[in-house]
């Protein structure tokens, strides 16, 4: 009888492991009357509430790359929401239109913050999420967005910027920044000058931010995205995927999350 029970238990565990999987959901929400199209991912095998992570896309818009990262975060046990900062899931096929879309957002920080907060509220309310433990990550344009949200004092445990932009019209102020900040920087990224890097470090130190800056030797702009090489050649831009920097920065992010979520 005991052996039969053990066999049954093994079979039941196997069935449950098959049924449990990362769930993917298309979601829509609004910000100032504009419909935003996001993508939610979580592992339904994880029990109880877990931290949530917002994923902010590159200047190309809410595309498969942002969704892929949301899925990878779900596999780590988080609930992730790939957000839409342009509205209606809009995407760019050329750097000219990408620059216009990104510029319009960054030049109207009040609207940008409203869009970010709308996504944040959606994530907080999800049944799997512990609303007191939320972070945000961003790539390129998205890296600049999450840094800016930290500067503006958005209530987050932490933000991670991957090959993001560093300039700002509203630098961090002491006592205002609530989030810990991790910047994952390509040492050979021509879009972020040594002067900009130095200014960012000085700004964060002056504001007494819990700040970590990791630089990856040989990494150029968009070093985490396998499509970077193709886009670089197609549009004659200094973009390049770097497998080592991609994997190291992801590992650094995981350590950062362990620190901020388990403190």
Protein backbone atom coordinates (compact mmCIF):
# COMPACT_ATOMS: atom_id res chain seq x y z
CA UNK A 1 0.00 0.00 0.00
CA UNK A 2 2.82 2.39 0.91
CA UNK A 3 4.61 1.80 -2.42
CA UNK A 4 1.35 2.42 -4.31
CA UNK A 5 0.92 5.71 -2.45
CA UNK A 6 4.45 6.77 -3.36
CA UNK A 7 3.86 5.93 -7.03
CA UNK A 8 0.61 7.92 -6.99
CA UNK A 9 2.37 10.87 -5.37
CA UNK A 10 5.11 10.79 -8.01
CA UNK A 11 2.52 10.70 -10.81
CA UNK A 12 0.55 13.55 -9.26
CA UNK A 13 3.72 15.66 -8.93
CA UNK A 14 4.56 14.97 -12.57
CA UNK A 15 1.06 15.99 -13.70
CA UNK A 16 1.16 19.20 -11.67
CA UNK A 17 4.60 20.09 -13.05
CA UNK A 18 3.23 19.73 -16.58
CA UNK A 19 0.17 21.87 -15.83
CA UNK A 20 2.22 24.55 -14.07
CA UNK A 21 3.85 26.92 -16.52
CA UNK A 22 4.69 30.51 -17.24
CA UNK A 23 1.47 32.29 -18.12
CA UNK A 24 1.41 35.07 -20.70
CA UNK A 25 -1.37 37.64 -20.84
CA UNK A 26 -2.09 40.53 -23.17
CA UNK A 27 -3.26 43.45 -21.02
CA UNK A 28 -4.65 46.89 -21.77
CA UNK A 29 -4.72 49.91 -19.49
CA UNK A 30 -5.11 53.65 -19.89
CA UNK A 31 -3.08 56.75 -19.06
CA UNK A 32 -4.61 60.17 -19.57
CA UNK A 33 -7.19 58.65 -21.90
CA UNK A 34 -4.57 56.85 -24.06
CA UNK A 35 -4.80 53.07 -24.38
CA UNK A 36 -1.57 51.29 -23.48
CA UNK A 37 -0.95 47.69 -24.56
CA UNK A 38 1.17 45.62 -22.19
CA UNK A 39 2.23 42.03 -21.72
CA UNK A 40 2.16 40.19 -18.40
CA UNK A 41 4.13 37.04 -17.55
CA UNK A 42 4.21 34.92 -14.38
CA UNK A 43 4.82 31.34 -13.31
CA UNK A 44 1.67 29.85 -11.80
CA UNK A 45 3.76 27.19 -10.03
CA UNK A 46 5.08 29.87 -7.66
CA UNK A 47 2.95 29.93 -4.52
CA UNK A 48 1.77 33.09 -2.86
CA UNK A 49 2.55 36.67 -3.77
CA UNK A 50 5.90 37.53 -5.23
CA UNK A 51 7.77 40.71 -6.31
CA UNK A 52 6.73 42.41 -9.53
CA UNK A 53 9.01 43.88 -12.18
CA UNK A 54 8.17 46.43 -14.87
CA UNK A 55 10.07 46.08 -18.15
CA UNK A 56 10.47 49.25 -20.23
CA UNK A 57 11.23 48.72 -23.91
CA UNK A 58 13.95 50.11 -26.17
CA UNK A 59 13.25 53.07 -28.44
CA UNK A 60 11.82 50.62 -31.00
CA UNK A 61 8.70 50.33 -28.84
CA UNK A 62 6.88 47.49 -27.09
CA UNK A 63 8.16 44.56 -29.12
CA UNK A 64 9.08 40.89 -28.77
CA UNK A 65 12.38 41.69 -27.08
CA UNK A 66 10.64 43.40 -24.14
CA UNK A 67 8.22 40.47 -23.94
CA UNK A 68 11.08 37.99 -23.98
CA UNK A 69 12.65 39.70 -20.97
CA UNK A 70 9.31 39.66 -19.15
CA UNK A 71 9.14 35.91 -19.74
CA UNK A 72 12.68 35.44 -18.45
CA UNK A 73 11.79 37.33 -15.27
CA UNK A 74 8.72 35.10 -14.84
CA UNK A 75 10.99 32.07 -15.06
CA UNK A 76 12.96 33.56 -12.14
CA UNK A 77 9.79 33.63 -10.05
CA UNK A 78 8.69 37.24 -10.54
CA UNK A 79 5.55 38.61 -12.13
CA UNK A 80 6.70 40.88 -14.95
CA UNK A 81 4.85 43.47 -16.99
CA UNK A 82 6.35 44.63 -20.28
CA UNK A 83 4.96 48.15 -20.43
CA UNK A 84 3.96 50.38 -23.32
CA UNK A 85 5.39 53.90 -23.16
CA UNK A 86 4.25 55.01 -26.63
CA UNK A 87 0.58 54.05 -26.51
CA UNK A 88 -1.49 51.56 -28.52
CA UNK A 89 1.51 49.22 -28.68
CA UNK A 90 3.15 51.51 -31.25
CA UNK A 91 6.47 50.34 -32.69
CA UNK A 92 9.12 51.95 -34.88
CA UNK A 93 10.71 50.30 -37.91
CA UNK A 94 13.39 52.97 -38.47
CA UNK A 95 15.68 54.98 -36.16
CA UNK A 96 14.12 58.24 -37.37
CA UNK A 97 10.64 57.30 -36.14
CA UNK A 98 12.09 55.60 -33.03
CA UNK A 99 13.90 58.80 -32.14
CA UNK A 100 10.73 60.84 -32.59
CA UNK A 101 8.67 58.47 -30.44
CA UNK A 102 11.28 58.35 -27.68
CA UNK A 103 11.94 62.09 -27.80
CA UNK A 104 8.25 62.90 -27.48
CA UNK A 105 8.07 60.83 -24.28
CA UNK A 106 11.24 62.15 -22.68
CA UNK A 107 10.36 65.78 -23.46
CA UNK A 108 7.04 65.47 -21.64
CA UNK A 109 8.05 63.90 -18.36
CA UNK A 110 4.68 64.56 -16.75
CA UNK A 111 2.95 62.40 -19.37
CA UNK A 112 5.75 59.82 -19.22
CA UNK A 113 5.36 59.51 -15.48
CA UNK A 114 1.59 59.09 -15.84
CA UNK A 115 2.12 56.24 -18.31
CA UNK A 116 4.66 54.57 -16.05
CA UNK A 117 2.44 54.91 -12.97
CA UNK A 118 -0.54 53.45 -14.85
CA UNK A 119 1.52 50.33 -15.58
CA UNK A 120 2.79 50.26 -12.00
CA UNK A 121 -0.74 50.31 -10.59
CA UNK A 122 -1.81 47.51 -12.93
CA UNK A 123 1.10 45.35 -11.80
CA UNK A 124 0.52 46.09 -8.12
CA UNK A 125 -3.09 44.94 -8.37
CA UNK A 126 -2.33 41.60 -9.99
CA UNK A 127 -3.30 38.69 -7.77
CA UNK A 128 0.21 37.22 -7.80
CA UNK A 129 2.05 40.40 -6.83
CA UNK A 130 3.24 41.73 -3.50
CA UNK A 131 2.54 45.41 -4.13
CA UNK A 132 5.18 46.47 -1.62
CA UNK A 133 7.99 44.84 -3.61
CA UNK A 134 8.17 46.31 -7.11
CA UNK A 135 11.19 47.06 -9.29
CA UNK A 136 11.68 48.23 -12.86
CA UNK A 137 14.22 47.46 -15.55
CA UNK A 138 14.73 49.18 -18.88
CA UNK A 139 16.76 48.90 -22.04
CA UNK A 140 18.27 51.85 -23.97
CA UNK A 141 15.35 54.33 -24.00
CA UNK A 142 13.77 52.23 -21.26
CA UNK A 143 16.93 52.43 -19.18
CA UNK A 144 16.66 56.20 -19.31
CA UNK A 145 12.98 56.00 -18.35
CA UNK A 146 13.55 53.88 -15.23
CA UNK A 147 16.41 56.12 -14.13
CA UNK A 148 14.15 59.12 -14.54
CA UNK A 149 11.35 57.49 -12.55
CA UNK A 150 13.82 56.88 -9.72
CA UNK A 151 14.91 60.53 -9.87
CA UNK A 152 11.27 61.61 -9.65
CA UNK A 153 10.79 59.61 -6.46
CA UNK A 154 8.48 56.89 -7.80
CA UNK A 155 7.90 54.31 -5.07
CA UNK A 156 10.03 51.39 -6.26
CA UNK A 157 12.42 49.06 -4.45
CA UNK A 158 14.94 49.39 -7.24
CA UNK A 159 15.60 50.10 -10.91
CA UNK A 160 18.06 48.54 -13.36
CA UNK A 161 19.19 50.43 -16.46
CA UNK A 162 20.74 48.36 -19.27
CA UNK A 163 22.70 50.50 -21.77
CA UNK A 164 20.39 53.41 -20.97
CA UNK A 165 20.69 57.17 -21.38
CA UNK A 166 21.99 59.23 -18.44
CA UNK A 167 21.18 62.88 -19.19
CA UNK A 168 18.35 64.60 -17.34
CA UNK A 169 16.62 67.92 -16.85
CA UNK A 170 15.66 66.94 -13.29
CA UNK A 171 18.66 65.44 -11.46
CA UNK A 172 18.22 63.34 -8.35
CA UNK A 173 17.80 65.20 -5.07
CA UNK A 174 18.85 64.00 -1.64
CA UNK A 175 15.95 62.43 0.23
CA UNK A 176 13.70 62.13 -2.82
CA UNK A 177 14.94 58.94 -4.48
CA UNK A 178 13.33 55.86 -2.93
CA UNK A 179 14.74 53.23 -5.28
CA UNK A 180 18.14 51.59 -5.23
CA UNK A 181 19.78 52.00 -8.64
CA UNK A 182 21.87 49.59 -10.72
CA UNK A 183 23.33 50.81 -14.01
CA UNK A 184 24.66 48.19 -16.44
CA UNK A 185 26.88 50.09 -18.86
CA UNK A 186 28.77 49.14 -21.99
CA UNK A 187 32.33 50.42 -21.63
CA UNK A 188 32.55 51.00 -25.41
CA UNK A 189 29.09 52.57 -25.80
CA UNK A 190 29.58 55.73 -27.91
CA UNK A 191 26.12 57.03 -26.98
CA UNK A 192 27.19 57.50 -23.35
CA UNK A 193 30.30 59.64 -23.05
CA UNK A 194 32.82 59.59 -20.22
CA UNK A 195 31.54 63.03 -19.22
CA UNK A 196 27.97 61.74 -18.98
CA UNK A 197 29.07 58.76 -16.91
CA UNK A 198 31.04 61.01 -14.56
CA UNK A 199 28.07 63.38 -14.25
CA UNK A 200 25.72 60.49 -13.40
CA UNK A 201 28.05 59.16 -10.71
CA UNK A 202 28.44 62.63 -9.22
CA UNK A 203 24.66 63.19 -9.31
CA UNK A 204 23.89 59.90 -7.56
CA UNK A 205 26.59 60.43 -4.93
CA UNK A 206 25.36 63.95 -4.24
CA UNK A 207 21.80 62.71 -3.79
CA UNK A 208 23.03 59.87 -1.55
CA UNK A 209 21.33 57.24 -3.73
CA UNK A 210 21.96 53.52 -3.11
CA UNK A 211 23.83 53.36 -6.43
CA UNK A 212 25.81 50.68 -8.25
CA UNK A 213 27.51 51.22 -11.62
CA UNK A 214 28.77 48.15 -13.49
CA UNK A 215 30.77 48.62 -16.68
CA UNK A 216 31.36 45.73 -19.10
CA UNK A 217 34.59 45.81 -21.08
CA UNK A 218 34.19 45.67 -24.86
CA UNK A 219 30.41 46.12 -24.74
CA UNK A 220 28.81 48.61 -27.12
CA UNK A 221 25.31 50.06 -27.17
CA UNK A 222 22.41 47.56 -27.04
CA UNK A 223 24.79 44.83 -25.83
CA UNK A 224 21.96 42.72 -24.35
CA UNK A 225 19.92 42.41 -27.55
CA UNK A 226 20.82 39.65 -30.06
CA UNK A 227 19.18 41.75 -32.80
CA UNK A 228 21.68 44.57 -32.24
CA UNK A 229 24.17 43.33 -34.84
CA UNK A 230 21.56 43.19 -37.59
CA UNK A 231 20.13 46.61 -36.69
CA UNK A 232 23.61 48.09 -36.50
CA UNK A 233 24.46 46.94 -40.02
CA UNK A 234 21.05 47.82 -41.43
CA UNK A 235 21.05 51.39 -40.13
CA UNK A 236 24.81 52.02 -39.86
CA UNK A 237 24.64 52.46 -36.09
CA UNK A 238 27.25 51.46 -33.45
CA UNK A 239 25.14 48.65 -32.01
CA UNK A 240 26.47 45.20 -31.14
CA UNK A 241 25.36 42.21 -29.10
CA UNK A 242 27.85 41.02 -26.50
CA UNK A 243 27.02 37.60 -25.07
CA UNK A 244 29.40 37.89 -22.13
CA UNK A 245 28.12 41.33 -21.10
CA UNK A 246 24.52 40.23 -21.61
CA UNK A 247 24.90 37.23 -19.32
CA UNK A 248 26.99 39.09 -16.73
CA UNK A 249 24.56 42.03 -16.53
CA UNK A 250 21.61 39.64 -16.13
CA UNK A 251 23.45 37.86 -13.31
CA UNK A 252 24.20 41.24 -11.73
CA UNK A 253 20.52 42.13 -11.94
CA UNK A 254 19.58 38.89 -10.19
CA UNK A 255 21.97 39.65 -7.34
CA UNK A 256 20.61 43.18 -7.12
CA UNK A 257 17.04 41.88 -6.90
CA UNK A 258 18.04 39.42 -4.21
CA UNK A 259 19.43 42.30 -2.19
CA UNK A 260 16.50 44.70 -2.56
CA UNK A 261 13.70 42.16 -2.26
CA UNK A 262 15.07 40.14 0.64
CA UNK A 263 16.29 43.00 2.86
